[in-house]
Amino acid sequence: MSTMLALLLLISGASATIVGDLNCTTYIGQGTVTFGYSPSATVCSNTISDAACDIIFPPVVAGKYPAPGNDVERPFNCYTITKASGGAFSADMKTAALNICPKSCGYCCQTNSYNCRNVQFLSPGELSSLKTAHPPIDSVAKEDASTLYPIAPTISPSATLSDYKTL
C-alpha cells in the first residue's frame, strides 16, 4: 500500500503543467510522466467569440491555450473558481466551459458532438452525419457492437443496422 502511495505521489509530482482536470489529454512521455492535450481536445469551435472566451476563461500564460500535444495549464476558470493551479474542482465552471468555450478550455472531446467511443477514428465531417445509436458514454459501463445491434431499432426505428458506425 505504501509503495502504491509513493508511486502515486511521484507520478503526480512529475506531471507537467496540466493539473486539476486531465480530461481530453493523453500521455506524451518524453522522458518523464507528461500529459498533453489530445487531438480531439480542440477540434471544435467555441460557441461564443474567441475574444469573449479570452475574457471569461483567460489563459494562465498570455496567449497560451490548450492545443494538441502541448501541456500548457488549462485556464483556471474552466474547472475551478479559485483562480489557482489545482484549485478545487467546480462542476458549474466546467459546465459553463463545455457549453460556451470548449475549444479555449481544451474540452472538445467531452462535448455532445465528440463524446463517443469511435470519435478518434472519424473526421469532423463524419461526426455531423452520424446517427446517434448509442447512449452517452458516461452512462455506459462496457459496451461493444454485439450489445448495440439488438437495441439499435429501439433507438432509431427507421434506420438499418448498416446506418450505424461500430463503437
Protein backbone atom coordinates (compact mmCIF):
# COMPACT_ATOMS: atom_id res chain seq x y z
CA MET A 1 0.00 0.00 0.00
CA SER A 2 2.76 2.46 0.93
CA THR A 3 4.59 1.62 -2.32
CA MET A 4 1.45 2.42 -4.30
CA LEU A 5 1.01 5.73 -2.46
CA ALA A 6 4.66 6.67 -3.05
CA LEU A 7 4.32 5.85 -6.76
CA LEU A 8 1.14 7.91 -6.99
CA LEU A 9 2.83 10.89 -5.34
CA LEU A 10 5.83 10.52 -7.65
CA ILE A 11 3.62 10.46 -10.74
CA SER A 12 1.51 13.42 -9.64
CA GLY A 13 4.62 15.46 -8.86
CA ALA A 14 6.26 14.57 -12.16
CA SER A 15 3.39 15.52 -14.44
CA ALA A 16 3.84 18.65 -16.49
CA THR A 17 1.72 21.74 -16.12
CA ILE A 18 -1.70 20.24 -16.84
CA VAL A 19 -3.24 19.94 -13.39
CA GLY A 20 -6.71 19.79 -11.92
CA ASP A 21 -8.55 18.18 -14.83
CA LEU A 22 -6.83 15.71 -17.16
CA ASN A 23 -9.84 15.19 -19.44
CA CYS A 24 -9.04 15.33 -23.17
CA THR A 25 -5.36 14.68 -22.51
CA THR A 26 -3.09 11.84 -23.47
CA TYR A 27 0.24 10.52 -22.24
CA ILE A 28 3.03 12.02 -24.33
CA GLY A 29 6.02 10.64 -22.41
CA GLN A 30 9.24 12.30 -23.48
CA GLY A 31 11.36 11.10 -20.56
CA THR A 32 9.04 11.99 -17.69
CA VAL A 33 5.41 11.36 -16.91
CA THR A 34 3.89 14.04 -19.11
CA PHE A 35 0.37 14.62 -20.33
CA GLY A 36 -0.52 16.75 -23.33
CA TYR A 37 -3.80 17.65 -24.94
CA SER A 38 -5.23 15.03 -27.29
CA PRO A 39 -6.06 15.92 -30.91
CA SER A 40 -9.77 15.89 -30.02
CA ALA A 41 -9.29 18.46 -27.21
CA THR A 42 -9.55 21.45 -29.56
CA VAL A 43 -11.22 20.05 -32.68
CA CYS A 44 -14.46 22.01 -32.10
CA SER A 45 -15.32 25.71 -32.09
CA ASN A 46 -16.27 27.92 -29.17
CA THR A 47 -20.00 28.73 -29.22
CA ILE A 48 -19.29 32.39 -28.45
CA SER A 49 -16.49 34.51 -29.93
CA ASP A 50 -12.90 33.61 -29.12
CA ALA A 51 -12.44 37.17 -27.82
CA ALA A 52 -15.26 36.65 -25.30
CA CYS A 53 -13.74 33.32 -24.27
CA ASP A 54 -10.40 35.10 -23.70
CA ILE A 55 -12.14 37.32 -21.14
CA ILE A 56 -14.26 34.66 -19.43
CA PHE A 57 -11.57 31.94 -19.48
CA PRO A 58 -8.25 33.82 -19.64
CA PRO A 59 -5.18 31.66 -20.26
CA VAL A 60 -2.80 31.08 -17.36
CA VAL A 61 0.06 32.37 -19.54
CA ALA A 62 -0.94 35.11 -22.00
CA GLY A 63 -1.70 33.67 -25.44
CA LYS A 64 -1.12 30.05 -24.37
CA TYR A 65 -4.23 27.89 -24.78
CA PRO A 66 -4.62 24.11 -24.97
CA ALA A 67 -3.56 22.67 -28.33
CA PRO A 68 -2.88 19.08 -29.44
CA GLY A 69 0.34 17.82 -27.90
CA ASN A 70 1.09 20.85 -25.74
CA ASP A 71 0.95 20.78 -21.96
CA VAL A 72 0.05 24.34 -21.05
CA GLU A 73 -2.10 24.66 -17.99
CA ARG A 74 -5.82 24.73 -18.72
CA PRO A 75 -7.33 28.17 -17.96
CA PHE A 76 -8.31 28.10 -14.28
CA ASN A 77 -11.87 29.31 -14.85
CA CYS A 78 -12.52 26.22 -16.99
CA TYR A 79 -12.64 23.98 -13.94
CA THR A 80 -12.33 25.99 -10.72
CA ILE A 81 -13.43 29.25 -9.09
CA THR A 82 -10.24 29.60 -7.03
CA LYS A 83 -8.16 31.06 -9.89
CA ALA A 84 -5.20 28.98 -8.75
CA SER A 85 -3.37 25.97 -10.11
CA GLY A 86 -5.03 22.77 -8.95
CA GLY A 87 -7.86 24.66 -7.22
CA ALA A 88 -10.97 22.85 -6.00
CA PHE A 89 -12.98 21.44 -8.89
CA SER A 90 -16.23 23.28 -9.74
CA ALA A 91 -18.82 21.36 -11.77
CA ASP A 92 -20.58 24.65 -12.57
CA MET A 93 -17.45 26.19 -14.10
CA LYS A 94 -16.75 23.08 -16.15
CA THR A 95 -20.35 23.01 -17.40
CA ALA A 96 -20.04 26.65 -18.46
CA ALA A 97 -16.74 25.91 -20.20
CA LEU A 98 -18.24 22.94 -22.07
CA ASN A 99 -21.25 24.97 -23.17
CA ILE A 100 -19.60 28.18 -24.34
CA CYS A 101 -15.81 27.83 -24.75
CA PRO A 102 -14.90 24.14 -25.14
CA LYS A 103 -12.05 24.85 -27.56
CA SER A 104 -10.40 27.51 -25.37
CA CYS A 105 -10.63 25.14 -22.40
CA GLY A 106 -9.50 22.04 -24.31
CA TYR A 107 -12.75 20.17 -23.64
CA CYS A 108 -13.99 19.43 -27.19
CA CYS A 109 -13.71 15.68 -26.60
CA GLN A 110 -16.34 15.99 -23.88
CA THR A 111 -18.94 17.95 -25.84
CA ASN A 112 -22.03 16.16 -27.14
CA SER A 113 -20.69 16.25 -30.72
CA TYR A 114 -17.49 14.42 -29.86
CA ASN A 115 -18.33 12.36 -26.78
CA CYS A 116 -18.40 8.89 -28.28
CA ARG A 117 -16.00 5.98 -28.32
CA ASN A 118 -15.32 5.98 -32.04
CA VAL A 119 -14.52 9.69 -32.36
CA GLN A 120 -10.79 9.03 -32.69
CA PHE A 121 -11.46 7.27 -35.99
CA LEU A 122 -13.74 9.90 -37.53
CA SER A 123 -13.09 13.16 -39.28
CA PRO A 124 -15.10 16.21 -38.13
CA GLY A 125 -17.28 15.95 -41.27
CA GLU A 126 -18.23 12.37 -40.47
CA LEU A 127 -19.29 13.30 -36.94
CA SER A 128 -22.10 15.53 -38.11
CA SER A 129 -23.52 12.76 -40.30
CA LEU A 130 -23.60 10.07 -37.61
CA LYS A 131 -26.92 8.83 -36.31
CA THR A 132 -27.00 8.63 -32.53
CA ALA A 133 -27.13 4.90 -31.98
CA HIS A 134 -25.68 4.65 -28.52
CA PRO A 135 -26.28 6.04 -25.07
CA PRO A 136 -23.96 8.79 -23.76
CA ILE A 137 -20.53 7.42 -22.85
CA ASP A 138 -20.88 8.37 -19.19
CA SER A 139 -23.92 6.10 -18.84
CA VAL A 140 -22.25 3.02 -20.33
CA ALA A 141 -20.01 0.59 -18.49
CA LYS A 142 -18.61 -1.78 -21.13
CA GLU A 143 -20.37 -1.80 -24.45
CA ASP A 144 -19.49 -3.38 -27.75
CA ALA A 145 -21.11 -3.76 -31.14
CA SER A 146 -22.82 -7.02 -30.19
CA THR A 147 -24.79 -5.25 -27.45
CA LEU A 148 -25.57 -2.28 -29.68
CA TYR A 149 -27.20 -4.19 -32.54
CA PRO A 150 -30.12 -5.60 -30.51
CA ILE A 151 -31.02 -2.16 -29.11
CA ALA A 152 -30.43 -0.09 -32.27
CA PRO A 153 -34.02 -0.49 -33.57
CA THR A 154 -35.41 0.88 -30.31
CA ILE A 155 -33.24 3.99 -30.55
CA SER A 156 -33.84 4.79 -34.20
CA PRO A 157 -36.57 2.50 -35.61
CA SER A 158 -36.31 3.77 -39.21
CA ALA A 159 -32.56 3.17 -39.50
CA THR A 160 -30.98 -0.06 -40.66
CA LEU A 161 -28.00 -1.61 -38.93
CA SER A 162 -25.75 -0.55 -41.81
CA ASP A 163 -26.51 3.09 -40.93
CA TYR A 164 -24.55 2.83 -37.67
CA LYS A 165 -20.83 3.02 -37.10
CA THR A 166 -19.37 0.29 -34.89
CA LEU A 167 -18.36 1.56 -31.47
